[in-house]
PDB file of N, CA and C in Angstrom:
ATOM      1  N   MET A   1     -52.697   7.636-138.029  1.00  0.00           N
ATOM      2  CA  MET A   1     -53.398   6.398-137.778  1.00  0.00           C
ATOM      3  C   MET A   1     -52.640   5.545-136.757  1.00  0.00           C
ATOM      4  N   VAL A   2     -51.305   5.536-136.883  1.00  0.00           N
ATOM      5  CA  VAL A   2     -50.502   4.747-135.946  1.00  0.00           C
ATOM      6  C   VAL A   2     -50.714   5.251-134.529  1.00  0.00           C
ATOM      7  N   HIS A   3     -50.721   6.569-134.347  1.00  0.00           N
ATOM      8  CA  HIS A   3     -50.927   7.132-133.015  1.00  0.00           C
ATOM      9  C   HIS A   3     -52.303   6.767-132.478  1.00  0.00           C
ATOM     10  N   ALA A   4     -53.317   6.775-133.342  1.00  0.00           N
ATOM     11  CA  ALA A   4     -54.664   6.422-132.908  1.00  0.00           C
ATOM     12  C   ALA A   4     -54.725   4.970-132.471  1.00  0.00           C
ATOM     13  N   LEU A   5     -54.123   4.075-133.246  1.00  0.00           N
ATOM     14  CA  LEU A   5     -54.141   2.660-132.882  1.00  0.00           C
ATOM     15  C   LEU A   5     -53.384   2.417-131.587  1.00  0.00           C
ATOM     16  N   THR A   6     -52.244   3.072-131.428  1.00  0.00           N
ATOM     17  CA  THR A   6     -51.466   2.923-130.198  1.00  0.00           C
ATOM     18  C   THR A   6     -52.288   3.368-129.000  1.00  0.00           C
ATOM     19  N   THR A   7     -52.992   4.479-129.119  1.00  0.00           N
ATOM     20  CA  THR A   7     -53.811   4.990-128.024  1.00  0.00           C
ATOM     21  C   THR A   7     -54.971   4.045-127.736  1.00  0.00           C
ATOM     22  N   GLN A   8     -55.604   3.509-128.772  1.00  0.00           N
ATOM     23  CA  GLN A   8     -56.732   2.596-128.576  1.00  0.00           C
ATOM     24  C   GLN A   8     -56.294   1.316-127.882  1.00  0.00           C
ATOM     25  N   ILE A   9     -55.197   0.750-128.326  1.00  0.00           N
ATOM     26  CA  ILE A   9     -54.698  -0.490-127.724  1.00  0.00           C
ATOM     27  C   ILE A   9     -54.310  -0.241-126.269  1.00  0.00           C
ATOM     28  N   ALA A  10     -53.623   0.862-126.020  1.00  0.00           N
ATOM     29  CA  ALA A  10     -53.228   1.205-124.651  1.00  0.00           C
ATOM     30  C   ALA A  10     -54.455   1.392-123.774  1.00  0.00           C
ATOM     31  N   GLY A  11     -55.496   2.004-124.312  1.00  0.00           N
ATOM     32  CA  GLY A  11     -56.724   2.200-123.559  1.00  0.00           C
ATOM     33  C   GLY A  11     -57.389   0.892-123.196  1.00  0.00           C
ATOM     34  N   VAL A  12     -57.405  -0.048-124.144  1.00  0.00           N
ATOM     35  CA  VAL A  12     -58.005  -1.365-123.882  1.00  0.00           C
ATOM     36  C   VAL A  12     -57.215  -2.102-122.806  1.00  0.00           C
ATOM     37  N   ILE A  13     -55.896  -2.046-122.886  1.00  0.00           N
ATOM     38  CA  ILE A  13     -55.060  -2.706-121.875  1.00  0.00           C
ATOM     39  C   ILE A  13     -55.311  -2.079-120.505  1.00  0.00           C
ATOM     40  N   SER A  14     -55.340  -0.759-120.449  1.00  0.00           N
ATOM     41  CA  SER A  14     -55.563  -0.059-119.171  1.00  0.00           C
ATOM     42  C   SER A  14     -56.944  -0.354-118.607  1.00  0.00           C
ATOM     43  N   GLU A  15     -57.972  -0.350-119.467  1.00  0.00           N
ATOM     44  CA  GLU A  15     -59.337  -0.635-119.021  1.00  0.00           C
ATOM     45  C   GLU A  15     -59.461  -2.072-118.514  1.00  0.00           C
ATOM     46  N   THR A  16     -58.817  -3.007-119.195  1.00  0.00           N
ATOM     47  CA  THR A  16     -58.864  -4.404-118.781  1.00  0.00           C
ATOM     48  C   THR A  16     -58.170  -4.592-117.433  1.00  0.00           C
ATOM     49  N   ALA A  17     -57.031  -3.936-117.256  1.00  0.00           N
ATOM     50  CA  ALA A  17     -56.321  -4.017-115.974  1.00  0.00           C
ATOM     51  C   ALA A  17     -57.193  -3.464-114.853  1.00  0.00           C
ATOM     52  N   ALA A  18     -57.890  -2.372-115.121  1.00  0.00           N
ATOM     53  CA  ALA A  18     -58.776  -1.792-114.103  1.00  0.00           C
ATOM     54  C   ALA A  18     -59.953  -2.727-113.818  1.00  0.00           C
ATOM     55  N   ALA A  19     -60.516  -3.345-114.863  1.00  0.00           N
ATOM     56  CA  ALA A  19     -61.643  -4.265-114.674  1.00  0.00           C
ATOM     57  C   ALA A  19     -61.233  -5.483-113.852  1.00  0.00           C
ATOM     58  N   TRP A  20     -60.001  -5.951-114.032  1.00  0.00           N
ATOM     59  CA  TRP A  20     -59.494  -7.101-113.280  1.00  0.00           C
ATOM     60  C   TRP A  20     -58.967  -6.690-111.913  1.00  0.00           C
ATOM     61  N   LYS A  21     -58.969  -5.388-111.644  1.00  0.00           N
ATOM     62  CA  LYS A  21     -58.423  -4.839-110.395  1.00  0.00           C
ATOM     63  C   LYS A  21     -56.963  -5.254-110.200  1.00  0.00           C
ATOM     64  N   ALA A  22     -56.209  -5.180-111.313  1.00  0.00           N
ATOM     65  CA  ALA A  22     -54.798  -5.550-111.286  1.00  0.00           C
ATOM     66  C   ALA A  22     -54.000  -4.536-110.467  1.00  0.00           C
ATOM     67  N   ASP A  23     -53.021  -5.034-109.729  1.00  0.00           N
ATOM     68  CA  ASP A  23     -52.127  -4.165-108.967  1.00  0.00           C
ATOM     69  C   ASP A  23     -50.922  -3.731-109.795  1.00  0.00           C
ATOM     70  N   LEU A  24     -50.555  -4.565-110.777  1.00  0.00           N
ATOM     71  CA  LEU A  24     -49.342  -4.316-111.552  1.00  0.00           C
ATOM     72  C   LEU A  24     -49.468  -4.921-112.940  1.00  0.00           C
ATOM     73  N   LEU A  25     -49.045  -4.168-113.948  1.00  0.00           N
ATOM     74  CA  LEU A  25     -48.916  -4.683-115.308  1.00  0.00           C
ATOM     75  C   LEU A  25     -47.431  -4.827-115.607  1.00  0.00           C
ATOM     76  N   VAL A  26     -47.030  -5.939-116.176  1.00  0.00           N
ATOM     77  CA  VAL A  26     -45.640  -6.139-116.573  1.00  0.00           C
ATOM     78  C   VAL A  26     -45.617  -6.213-118.088  1.00  0.00           C
ATOM     79  N   LEU A  27     -44.922  -5.258-118.712  1.00  0.00           N
ATOM     80  CA  LEU A  27     -44.861  -5.170-120.165  1.00  0.00           C
ATOM     81  C   LEU A  27     -43.412  -5.174-120.625  1.00  0.00           C
ATOM     82  N   THR A  28     -43.202  -5.653-121.829  1.00  0.00           N
ATOM     83  CA  THR A  28     -41.874  -5.651-122.436  1.00  0.00           C
ATOM     84  C   THR A  28     -41.894  -4.712-123.632  1.00  0.00           C
ATOM     85  N   PRO A  29     -41.261  -3.545-123.514  1.00  0.00           N
ATOM     86  CA  PRO A  29     -41.235  -2.632-124.658  1.00  0.00           C
ATOM     87  C   PRO A  29     -40.252  -3.116-125.714  1.00  0.00           C
ATOM     88  N   HIS A  30     -40.569  -2.826-126.961  1.00  0.00           N
ATOM     89  CA  HIS A  30     -39.651  -3.158-128.050  1.00  0.00           C
ATOM     90  C   HIS A  30     -38.539  -2.120-128.091  1.00  0.00           C
ATOM     91  N   ARG A  31     -37.359  -2.552-128.428  1.00  0.00           N
ATOM     92  CA  ARG A  31     -36.226  -1.631-128.508  1.00  0.00           C
ATOM     93  C   ARG A  31     -36.327  -0.844-129.808  1.00  0.00           C
ATOM     94  N   ARG A  32     -36.211   0.475-129.665  1.00  0.00           N
ATOM     95  CA  ARG A  32     -36.231   1.352-130.832  1.00  0.00           C
ATOM     96  C   ARG A  32     -35.275   2.500-130.587  1.00  0.00           C
ATOM     97  N   ASP A  33     -34.791   3.075-131.672  1.00  0.00           N
ATOM     98  CA  ASP A  33     -33.977   4.268-131.517  1.00  0.00           C
ATOM     99  C   ASP A  33     -34.898   5.469-131.284  1.00  0.00           C
ATOM    100  N   MET A  34     -34.339   6.613-131.007  1.00  0.00           N
ATOM    101  CA  MET A  34     -35.139   7.779-130.661  1.00  0.00           C
ATOM    102  C   MET A  34     -36.066   8.190-131.811  1.00  0.00           C
ATOM    103  N   PHE A  35     -35.559   8.176-133.035  1.00  0.00           N
ATOM    104  CA  PHE A  35     -36.384   8.558-134.187  1.00  0.00           C
ATOM    105  C   PHE A  35     -37.531   7.564-134.370  1.00  0.00           C
ATOM    106  N   GLY A  36     -37.244   6.291-134.232  1.00  0.00           N
ATOM    107  CA  GLY A  36     -38.283   5.277-134.362  1.00  0.00           C
ATOM    108  C   GLY A  36     -39.370   5.436-133.316  1.00  0.00           C
ATOM    109  N   ALA A  37     -38.992   5.799-132.108  1.00  0.00           N
ATOM    110  CA  ALA A  37     -39.969   5.995-131.031  1.00  0.00           C
ATOM    111  C   ALA A  37     -40.859   7.208-131.308  1.00  0.00           C
ATOM    112  N   LEU A  38     -40.305   8.239-131.934  1.00  0.00           N
ATOM    113  CA  LEU A  38     -41.115   9.417-132.274  1.00  0.00           C
ATOM    114  C   LEU A  38     -42.059   9.119-133.432  1.00  0.00           C
ATOM    115  N   TRP A  39     -41.591   8.368-134.413  1.00  0.00           N
ATOM    116  CA  TRP A  39     -42.383   8.054-135.589  1.00  0.00           C
ATOM    117  C   TRP A  39     -43.461   7.022-135.277  1.00  0.00           C
ATOM    118  N   ASP A  40     -43.117   6.036-134.478  1.00  0.00           N
ATOM    119  CA  ASP A  40     -44.032   4.940-134.162  1.00  0.00           C
ATOM    120  C   ASP A  40     -43.968   4.691-132.657  1.00  0.00           C
ATOM    121  N   PRO A  41     -44.801   5.393-131.876  1.00  0.00           N
ATOM    122  CA  PRO A  41     -44.709   5.282-130.410  1.00  0.00           C
ATOM    123  C   PRO A  41     -45.021   3.875-129.914  1.00  0.00           C
ATOM    124  N   ARG A  42     -44.432   3.530-128.795  1.00  0.00           N
ATOM    125  CA  ARG A  42     -44.640   2.208-128.209  1.00  0.00           C
ATOM    126  C   ARG A  42     -45.957   2.164-127.434  1.00  0.00           C
ATOM    127  N   VAL A  43     -46.624   1.037-127.543  1.00  0.00           N
ATOM    128  CA  VAL A  43     -47.865   0.823-126.805  1.00  0.00           C
ATOM    129  C   VAL A  43     -47.577   0.853-125.307  1.00  0.00           C
ATOM    130  N   SER A  44     -46.446   0.271-124.902  1.00  0.00           N
ATOM    131  CA  SER A  44     -46.123   0.229-123.467  1.00  0.00           C
ATOM    132  C   SER A  44     -46.002   1.637-122.886  1.00  0.00           C
ATOM    133  N   ASP A  45     -45.422   2.573-123.645  1.00  0.00           N
ATOM    134  CA  ASP A  45     -45.333   3.955-123.162  1.00  0.00           C
ATOM    135  C   ASP A  45     -46.720   4.579-123.031  1.00  0.00           C
ATOM    136  N   ALA A  46     -47.591   4.296-123.990  1.00  0.00           N
ATOM    137  CA  ALA A  46     -48.948   4.839-123.933  1.00  0.00           C
ATOM    138  C   ALA A  46     -49.717   4.263-122.744  1.00  0.00           C
ATOM    139  N   VAL A  47     -49.497   2.983-122.432  1.00  0.00           N
ATOM    140  CA  VAL A  47     -50.169   2.370-121.279  1.00  0.00           C
ATOM    141  C   VAL A  47     -49.717   3.055-119.990  1.00  0.00           C
ATOM    142  N   VAL A  48     -48.441   3.348-119.900  1.00  0.00           N
ATOM    143  CA  VAL A  48     -47.909   4.021-118.711  1.00  0.00           C
ATOM    144  C   VAL A  48     -48.616   5.358-118.501  1.00  0.00           C
ATOM    145  N   HIS A  49     -48.916   6.062-119.581  1.00  0.00           N
ATOM    146  CA  HIS A  49     -49.495   7.402-119.470  1.00  0.00           C
ATOM    147  C   HIS A  49     -51.017   7.434-119.451  1.00  0.00           C
ATOM    148  N   THR A  50     -51.691   6.333-119.822  1.00  0.00           N
ATOM    149  CA  THR A  50     -53.152   6.373-119.882  1.00  0.00           C
ATOM    150  C   THR A  50     -53.834   5.700-118.704  1.00  0.00           C
ATOM    151  N   GLY A  51     -53.185   4.729-118.109  1.00  0.00           N
ATOM    152  CA  GLY A  51     -53.846   3.956-117.063  1.00  0.00           C
ATOM    153  C   GLY A  51     -53.529   4.434-115.665  1.00  0.00           C
ATOM    154  N   ARG A  52     -54.234   3.848-114.716  1.00  0.00           N
ATOM    155  CA  ARG A  52     -54.007   4.163-113.303  1.00  0.00           C
ATOM    156  C   ARG A  52     -53.374   2.975-112.576  1.00  0.00           C
ATOM    157  N   THR A  53     -53.051   1.915-113.320  1.00  0.00           N
ATOM    158  CA  THR A  53     -52.412   0.734-112.751  1.00  0.00           C
ATOM    159  C   THR A  53     -50.901   0.895-112.873  1.00  0.00           C
ATOM    160  N   ALA A  54     -50.163   0.469-111.863  1.00  0.00           N
ATOM    161  CA  ALA A  54     -48.703   0.522-111.914  1.00  0.00           C
ATOM    162  C   ALA A  54     -48.202  -0.368-113.045  1.00  0.00           C
ATOM    163  N   VAL A  55     -47.165   0.117-113.742  1.00  0.00           N
ATOM    164  CA  VAL A  55     -46.608  -0.617-114.885  1.00  0.00           C
ATOM    165  C   VAL A  55     -45.126  -0.825-114.659  1.00  0.00           C
ATOM    166  N   LEU A  56     -44.685  -2.067-114.837  1.00  0.00           N
ATOM    167  CA  LEU A  56     -43.268  -2.406-114.779  1.00  0.00           C
ATOM    168  C   LEU A  56     -42.827  -2.737-116.194  1.00  0.00           C
ATOM    169  N   LEU A  57     -41.866  -1.964-116.723  1.00  0.00           N
ATOM    170  CA  LEU A  57     -41.337  -2.214-118.062  1.00  0.00           C
ATOM    171  C   LEU A  57     -40.063  -3.042-117.921  1.00  0.00           C
ATOM    172  N   VAL A  58     -40.104  -4.238-118.463  1.00  0.00           N
ATOM    173  CA  VAL A  58     -38.992  -5.175-118.355  1.00  0.00           C
ATOM    174  C   VAL A  58     -38.365  -5.326-119.738  1.00  0.00           C
ATOM    175  N   PRO A  59     -37.062  -5.049-119.874  1.00  0.00           N
ATOM    176  CA  PRO A  59     -36.443  -5.180-121.191  1.00  0.00           C
ATOM    177  C   PRO A  59     -36.423  -6.631-121.656  1.00  0.00           C
ATOM    178  N   GLU A  60     -36.498  -6.799-122.966  1.00  0.00           N
ATOM    179  CA  GLU A  60     -36.437  -8.142-123.539  1.00  0.00           C
ATOM    180  C   GLU A  60     -35.056  -8.738-123.283  1.00  0.00           C
ATOM    181  N   GLY A  61     -35.026 -10.027-122.976  1.00  0.00           N
ATOM    182  CA  GLY A  61     -33.751 -10.706-122.833  1.00  0.00           C
ATOM    183  C   GLY A  61     -33.187 -11.024-124.209  1.00  0.00           C
ATOM    184  N   ASP A  62     -31.875 -11.017-124.315  1.00  0.00           N
ATOM    185  CA  ASP A  62     -31.252 -11.331-125.603  1.00  0.00           C
ATOM    186  C   ASP A  62     -30.838 -12.789-125.693  1.00  0.00           C
ATOM    187  N   GLY A  63     -31.190 -13.566-124.682  1.00  0.00           N
ATOM    188  CA  GLY A  63     -30.854 -14.985-124.698  1.00  0.00           C
ATOM    189  C   GLY A  63     -29.474 -15.300-124.172  1.00  0.00           C
ATOM    190  N   ASN A  64     -28.708 -14.273-123.818  1.00  0.00           N
ATOM    191  CA  ASN A  64     -27.341 -14.487-123.333  1.00  0.00           C
ATOM    192  C   ASN A  64     -27.214 -14.370-121.829  1.00  0.00           C
ATOM    193  N   ASP A  65     -28.314 -14.163-121.139  1.00  0.00           N
ATOM    194  CA  ASP A  65     -28.292 -14.002-119.684  1.00  0.00           C
ATOM    195  C   ASP A  65     -28.306 -15.393-119.027  1.00  0.00           C
ATOM    196  N   PRO A  66     -27.233 -15.766-118.315  1.00  0.00           N
ATOM    197  CA  PRO A  66     -27.208 -17.099-117.709  1.00  0.00           C
ATOM    198  C   PRO A  66     -28.256 -17.288-116.619  1.00  0.00           C
ATOM    199  N   ALA A  67     -28.760 -16.190-116.039  1.00  0.00           N
ATOM    200  CA  ALA A  67     -29.785 -16.307-114.992  1.00  0.00           C
ATOM    201  C   ALA A  67     -31.171 -16.513-115.581  1.00  0.00           C
ATOM    202  N   GLU A  68     -31.294 -16.292-116.882  1.00  0.00           N
ATOM    203  CA  GLU A  68     -32.585 -16.433-117.539  1.00  0.00           C
ATOM    204  C   GLU A  68     -32.750 -17.866-118.034  1.00  0.00           C
ATOM    205  N   PRO A  69     -33.770 -18.568-117.575  1.00  0.00           N
ATOM    206  CA  PRO A  69     -33.961 -19.953-118.017  1.00  0.00           C
ATOM    207  C   PRO A  69     -34.293 -20.011-119.511  1.00  0.00           C
ATOM    208  N   PRO A  70     -33.813 -21.031-120.201  1.00  0.00           N
ATOM    209  CA  PRO A  70     -34.113 -21.137-121.630  1.00  0.00           C
ATOM    210  C   PRO A  70     -35.591 -21.425-121.858  1.00  0.00           C
ATOM    211  N   VAL A  71     -36.101 -20.913-122.951  1.00  0.00           N
ATOM    212  CA  VAL A  71     -37.490 -21.151-123.324  1.00  0.00           C
ATOM    213  C   VAL A  71     -37.526 -22.393-124.197  1.00  0.00           C
ATOM    214  N   THR A  72     -38.353 -23.335-123.808  1.00  0.00           N
ATOM    215  CA  THR A  72     -38.467 -24.564-124.581  1.00  0.00           C
ATOM    216  C   THR A  72     -39.920 -24.808-124.938  1.00  0.00           C
ATOM    217  N   ASP A  73     -40.141 -25.404-126.075  1.00  0.00           N
ATOM    218  CA  ASP A  73     -41.488 -25.803-126.477  1.00  0.00           C
ATOM    219  C   ASP A  73     -41.689 -27.253-126.090  1.00  0.00           C
ATOM    220  N   ARG A  74     -42.717 -27.514-125.347  1.00  0.00           N
ATOM    221  CA  ARG A  74     -42.994 -28.889-124.923  1.00  0.00           C
ATOM    222  C   ARG A  74     -44.327 -29.314-125.396  1.00  0.00           C
TER     223      ARG A  74
END
């Protein structure tokens, strides 16, 4: 079921990007170990393999990067 949901979500993201005629998708994959990735595949990986739009995978910041501006709620 997890694999089916991952594929469906990835398909919707890819179809939406194509409908918007997007040139690039920027996604942040969740960090997982190798076993976790096999057991519960990432949606971002499925998007890379299902769509025809270029995908940039950007790692999540840990909040310790001085070049990364702080996130504030206003």
